[in-house]
């Protein structure tokens, strides 16, 4: 799974979030920055974990958690964007990135659930 498209996208997303995290810390924003960092970096980590799932049900459960983490990351990004906490930073690219990941994860989970039924 680490060479998968979604795995690659989540890795690059996490790298981009690390840059934003550093900027938030420089601005002395500690609470939201940590929440954003935690949820954003756990997306890829959970995909890695799902690749070693013990069963199809385990895979679906882990990928569902991954989707939830991505949605949480998107929430924190939208909150930062709406608050204009850092002027001059456009969050649209990051929100678009994580939304694409969410869509991919949703498709993976739905397809996996369908395959489990068959």
Protein backbone atom coordinates (compact mmCIF):
# COMPACT_ATOMS: atom_id res chain seq x y z
CA UNK A 1 0.00 0.00 0.00
CA UNK A 2 2.94 2.36 0.57
CA UNK A 3 3.43 2.68 -3.19
CA UNK A 4 -0.25 3.33 -3.76
CA UNK A 5 -1.61 6.61 -5.05
CA UNK A 6 -3.50 7.33 -1.83
CA UNK A 7 -0.43 6.45 0.24
CA UNK A 8 1.69 8.86 -1.78
CA UNK A 9 -0.91 11.62 -1.56
CA UNK A 10 -1.19 11.26 2.20
CA UNK A 11 2.58 11.36 2.62
CA UNK A 12 2.85 14.59 0.61
CA UNK A 13 -0.12 16.04 2.48
CA UNK A 14 1.57 15.30 5.81
CA UNK A 15 4.75 17.00 4.58
CA UNK A 16 2.76 20.09 3.61
CA UNK A 17 1.06 20.11 7.00
CA UNK A 18 4.45 19.97 8.73
CA UNK A 19 5.32 23.29 7.09
CA UNK A 20 2.05 24.83 8.21
CA UNK A 21 2.54 23.39 11.70
CA UNK A 22 5.92 25.12 11.99
CA UNK A 23 4.36 28.41 10.98
CA UNK A 24 1.55 28.00 13.49
CA UNK A 25 4.04 27.25 16.27
CA UNK A 26 6.04 30.34 15.30
CA UNK A 27 2.81 32.30 15.75
CA UNK A 28 2.35 30.69 19.17
CA UNK A 29 -0.74 28.69 18.18
CA UNK A 30 -0.31 25.41 20.03
CA UNK A 31 -3.72 23.78 20.43
CA UNK A 32 -5.11 23.72 16.90
CA UNK A 33 -1.64 23.18 15.44
CA UNK A 34 -1.18 19.98 17.44
CA UNK A 35 -4.66 18.74 16.59
CA UNK A 36 -4.02 19.41 12.91
CA UNK A 37 -0.60 17.76 13.00
CA UNK A 38 -1.90 14.70 14.83
CA UNK A 39 -4.88 14.09 12.56
CA UNK A 40 -2.99 14.89 9.35
CA UNK A 41 -0.01 12.65 10.02
CA UNK A 42 -2.15 9.78 11.26
CA UNK A 43 -3.85 9.50 7.86
CA UNK A 44 -0.79 8.00 6.20
CA UNK A 45 0.19 6.08 9.31
CA UNK A 46 -3.21 4.40 9.38
CA UNK A 47 -2.93 3.51 5.70
CA UNK A 48 0.39 1.83 6.45
CA UNK A 49 -1.26 -0.05 9.29
CA UNK A 50 -4.20 -1.07 7.10
CA UNK A 51 -1.79 -2.58 4.59
CA UNK A 52 -0.94 -5.18 7.24
CA UNK A 53 -4.55 -5.89 8.20
CA UNK A 54 -5.29 -9.39 9.41
CA UNK A 55 -8.54 -9.66 7.48
CA UNK A 56 -10.74 -7.77 5.05
CA UNK A 57 -12.89 -6.59 7.98
CA UNK A 58 -9.79 -5.36 9.78
CA UNK A 59 -8.70 -3.52 6.61
CA UNK A 60 -12.11 -1.86 6.29
CA UNK A 61 -12.08 -0.83 9.95
CA UNK A 62 -8.60 0.70 9.69
CA UNK A 63 -9.40 2.51 6.45
CA UNK A 64 -12.61 3.85 8.02
CA UNK A 65 -10.55 5.29 10.87
CA UNK A 66 -8.21 6.78 8.29
CA UNK A 67 -11.16 8.49 6.61
CA UNK A 68 -12.28 9.93 9.95
CA UNK A 69 -8.81 11.34 10.60
CA UNK A 70 -8.78 12.97 7.17
CA UNK A 71 -12.15 14.55 7.85
CA UNK A 72 -10.84 15.86 11.18
CA UNK A 73 -7.80 17.36 9.46
CA UNK A 74 -10.08 19.06 6.95
CA UNK A 75 -12.14 20.50 9.82
CA UNK A 76 -9.05 22.08 11.44
CA UNK A 77 -7.94 23.51 8.09
CA UNK A 78 -11.38 25.01 7.48
CA UNK A 79 -11.37 26.49 10.98
CA UNK A 80 -7.97 28.08 10.42
CA UNK A 81 -9.09 29.41 7.06
CA UNK A 82 -12.31 30.90 8.43
CA UNK A 83 -10.51 32.52 11.37
CA UNK A 84 -7.82 34.14 9.20
CA UNK A 85 -5.36 33.22 11.92
CA UNK A 86 -2.44 33.63 9.54
CA UNK A 87 -2.94 36.28 6.89
CA UNK A 88 -1.51 35.46 3.49
CA UNK A 89 -1.80 31.69 3.76
CA UNK A 90 -4.30 30.10 1.44
CA UNK A 91 -5.66 26.93 2.84
CA UNK A 92 -7.56 26.05 -0.34
CA UNK A 93 -4.78 23.83 -1.71
CA UNK A 94 -4.50 21.88 1.53
CA UNK A 95 -8.28 21.55 1.81
CA UNK A 96 -8.43 20.35 -1.79
CA UNK A 97 -5.65 17.83 -1.12
CA UNK A 98 -7.34 16.35 1.92
CA UNK A 99 -10.75 16.33 0.21
CA UNK A 100 -9.24 14.29 -2.64
CA UNK A 101 -7.83 11.88 -0.06
CA UNK A 102 -11.23 11.64 1.66
CA UNK A 103 -12.88 10.83 -1.67
CA UNK A 104 -10.30 8.14 -2.39
CA UNK A 105 -10.66 6.63 1.08
CA UNK A 106 -14.44 6.64 0.82
CA UNK A 107 -14.20 4.76 -2.48
CA UNK A 108 -11.72 2.25 -1.01
CA UNK A 109 -13.96 1.57 1.99
CA UNK A 110 -17.13 1.24 -0.11
CA UNK A 111 -15.45 -1.04 -2.65
CA UNK A 112 -13.95 -3.16 0.11
CA UNK A 113 -17.34 -3.46 1.81
CA UNK A 114 -18.92 -4.50 -1.50
CA UNK A 115 -16.21 -7.10 -2.08
CA UNK A 116 -16.71 -8.45 1.43
CA UNK A 117 -20.40 -9.07 0.70
CA UNK A 118 -19.64 -10.99 -2.49
